[in-house]
Amino acid sequence: MTTKQKGTHTPKEWHEANTGNHQGLIIDGAGNNIAVAYDKVNARLIAAAPELLEALEQAIETLHEFGSEDVAYYQNIVNKALF
């Protein structure tokens, strides 16, 4: 059960880059800008987004394999973030 995405995001690896101020810059593995966050803590969270999505998809798949009745509930939460 893979999460269906409305669009595609920039492929991982995403990293936080130092901006020299309180903001955080998120870049991809080639050094291209992905986003700017107004707080470095938020930049770390945004930079981790691809890995977080992957972990969520794996957790949902595991719930599905174990026959959990909560799969649809958690799948809906993930889909809200993607659509």
C-alpha atoms as a PDB file:
ATOM      1  CA  MET A   1       0.000   0.000   0.000  1.00  0.00           C
ATOM      2  CA  THR A   2       1.888   3.007  -1.269  1.00  0.00           C
ATOM      3  CA  THR A   3       0.727   6.543  -0.627  1.00  0.00           C
ATOM      4  CA  LYS A   4      -0.500   8.132  -3.841  1.00  0.00           C
ATOM      5  CA  GLN A   5       0.877  11.597  -4.335  1.00  0.00           C
ATOM      6  CA  LYS A   6      -0.867  14.383  -6.190  1.00  0.00           C
ATOM      7  CA  GLY A   7       2.445  15.555  -7.591  1.00  0.00           C
ATOM      8  CA  THR A   8       6.027  14.655  -7.127  1.00  0.00           C
ATOM      9  CA  HIS A   9       8.373  16.372  -4.761  1.00  0.00           C
ATOM     10  CA  THR A  10      12.018  17.086  -5.350  1.00  0.00           C
ATOM     11  CA  PRO A  11      13.872  13.804  -4.882  1.00  0.00           C
ATOM     12  CA  LYS A  12      15.689  13.279  -1.593  1.00  0.00           C
ATOM     13  CA  GLU A  13      18.363  13.963  -0.197  1.00  0.00           C
ATOM     14  CA  TRP A  14      17.330  17.295   1.294  1.00  0.00           C
ATOM     15  CA  HIS A  15      19.643  19.159   3.646  1.00  0.00           C
ATOM     16  CA  GLU A  16      19.578  22.270   5.776  1.00  0.00           C
ATOM     17  CA  ALA A  17      22.105  24.871   4.647  1.00  0.00           C
ATOM     18  CA  ASN A  18      23.502  27.673   6.776  1.00  0.00           C
ATOM     19  CA  THR A  19      22.143  31.076   5.783  1.00  0.00           C
ATOM     20  CA  GLY A  20      24.200  33.027   8.307  1.00  0.00           C
ATOM     21  CA  ASN A  21      21.078  34.309  10.037  1.00  0.00           C
ATOM     22  CA  HIS A  22      18.027  32.933  11.857  1.00  0.00           C
ATOM     23  CA  GLN A  23      16.531  31.494   8.666  1.00  0.00           C
ATOM     24  CA  GLY A  24      17.108  28.045   7.299  1.00  0.00           C
ATOM     25  CA  LEU A  25      17.675  27.128   3.673  1.00  0.00           C
ATOM     26  CA  ILE A  26      16.668  23.690   2.441  1.00  0.00           C
ATOM     27  CA  ILE A  27      18.669  22.370  -0.521  1.00  0.00           C
ATOM     28  CA  ASP A  28      18.719  19.135  -2.482  1.00  0.00           C
ATOM     29  CA  GLY A  29      21.735  16.890  -2.985  1.00  0.00           C
ATOM     30  CA  ALA A  30      22.867  18.984  -5.974  1.00  0.00           C
ATOM     31  CA  GLY A  31      22.745  22.218  -3.963  1.00  0.00           C
ATOM     32  CA  ASN A  32      19.535  23.513  -5.551  1.00  0.00           C
ATOM     33  CA  ASN A  33      17.222  25.557  -3.330  1.00  0.00           C
ATOM     34  CA  ILE A  34      14.088  23.717  -2.209  1.00  0.00           C
ATOM     35  CA  ALA A  35      12.678  26.128   0.370  1.00  0.00           C
ATOM     36  CA  VAL A  36      13.449  28.815   2.900  1.00  0.00           C
ATOM     37  CA  ALA A  37      12.212  28.504   6.455  1.00  0.00           C
ATOM     38  CA  TYR A  38      12.012  31.489   8.769  1.00  0.00           C
ATOM     39  CA  ASP A  39      13.315  29.441  11.661  1.00  0.00           C
ATOM     40  CA  LYS A  40      16.187  26.956  11.626  1.00  0.00           C
ATOM     41  CA  VAL A  41      14.189  24.428  13.659  1.00  0.00           C
ATOM     42  CA  ASN A  42      11.515  24.404  10.950  1.00  0.00           C
ATOM     43  CA  ALA A  43      14.232  24.061   8.311  1.00  0.00           C
ATOM     44  CA  ARG A  44      15.426  20.816   9.906  1.00  0.00           C
ATOM     45  CA  LEU A  45      11.870  19.472   9.891  1.00  0.00           C
ATOM     46  CA  ILE A  46      11.333  20.424   6.248  1.00  0.00           C
ATOM     47  CA  ALA A  47      14.688  18.938   5.247  1.00  0.00           C
ATOM     48  CA  ALA A  48      13.653  15.650   6.863  1.00  0.00           C
ATOM     49  CA  ALA A  49      10.303  15.540   4.997  1.00  0.00           C
ATOM     50  CA  PRO A  50      11.247  12.940   2.352  1.00  0.00           C
ATOM     51  CA  GLU A  51      12.588  10.540   4.985  1.00  0.00           C
ATOM     52  CA  LEU A  52       9.595  11.178   7.247  1.00  0.00           C
ATOM     53  CA  LEU A  53       7.218  10.364   4.388  1.00  0.00           C
ATOM     54  CA  GLU A  54       9.125   7.170   3.665  1.00  0.00           C
ATOM     55  CA  ALA A  55       8.939   6.160   7.343  1.00  0.00           C
ATOM     56  CA  LEU A  56       5.207   6.883   7.469  1.00  0.00           C
ATOM     57  CA  GLU A  57       4.573   4.825   4.347  1.00  0.00           C
ATOM     58  CA  GLN A  58       6.533   1.917   5.836  1.00  0.00           C
ATOM     59  CA  ALA A  59       4.621   2.190   9.127  1.00  0.00           C
ATOM     60  CA  ILE A  60       1.295   2.135   7.271  1.00  0.00           C
ATOM     61  CA  GLU A  61       2.424  -0.883   5.254  1.00  0.00           C
ATOM     62  CA  THR A  62       3.381  -2.662   8.492  1.00  0.00           C
ATOM     63  CA  LEU A  63      -0.022  -1.862  10.016  1.00  0.00           C
ATOM     64  CA  HIS A  64      -1.667  -3.250   6.882  1.00  0.00           C
ATOM     65  CA  GLU A  65       0.404  -6.454   7.031  1.00  0.00           C
ATOM     66  CA  PHE A  66      -0.639  -7.018  10.642  1.00  0.00           C
ATOM     67  CA  GLY A  67      -4.292  -6.489   9.773  1.00  0.00           C
ATOM     68  CA  SER A  68      -4.718  -3.359  11.846  1.00  0.00           C
ATOM     69  CA  GLU A  69      -8.135  -1.761  11.655  1.00  0.00           C
ATOM     70  CA  ASP A  70      -6.462   1.671  11.910  1.00  0.00           C
ATOM     71  CA  VAL A  71      -4.769   1.584   8.477  1.00  0.00           C
ATOM     72  CA  ALA A  72      -7.382   3.777   6.763  1.00  0.00           C
ATOM     73  CA  TYR A  73      -7.245   6.328   9.585  1.00  0.00           C
ATOM     74  CA  TYR A  74      -3.461   6.743   9.352  1.00  0.00           C
ATOM     75  CA  GLN A  75      -3.469   6.623   5.550  1.00  0.00           C
ATOM     76  CA  ASN A  76      -5.952   9.507   5.583  1.00  0.00           C
ATOM     77  CA  ILE A  77      -3.643  11.584   7.803  1.00  0.00           C
ATOM     78  CA  VAL A  78      -0.715  11.052   5.423  1.00  0.00           C
ATOM     79  CA  ASN A  79      -2.875  11.828   2.390  1.00  0.00           C
ATOM     80  CA  LYS A  80      -3.973  15.143   3.933  1.00  0.00           C
ATOM     81  CA  ALA A  81      -0.355  16.250   3.914  1.00  0.00           C
ATOM     82  CA  LEU A  82       0.101  15.256   0.282  1.00  0.00           C
ATOM     83  CA  PHE A  83      -3.073  16.413  -1.425  1.00  0.00           C
END
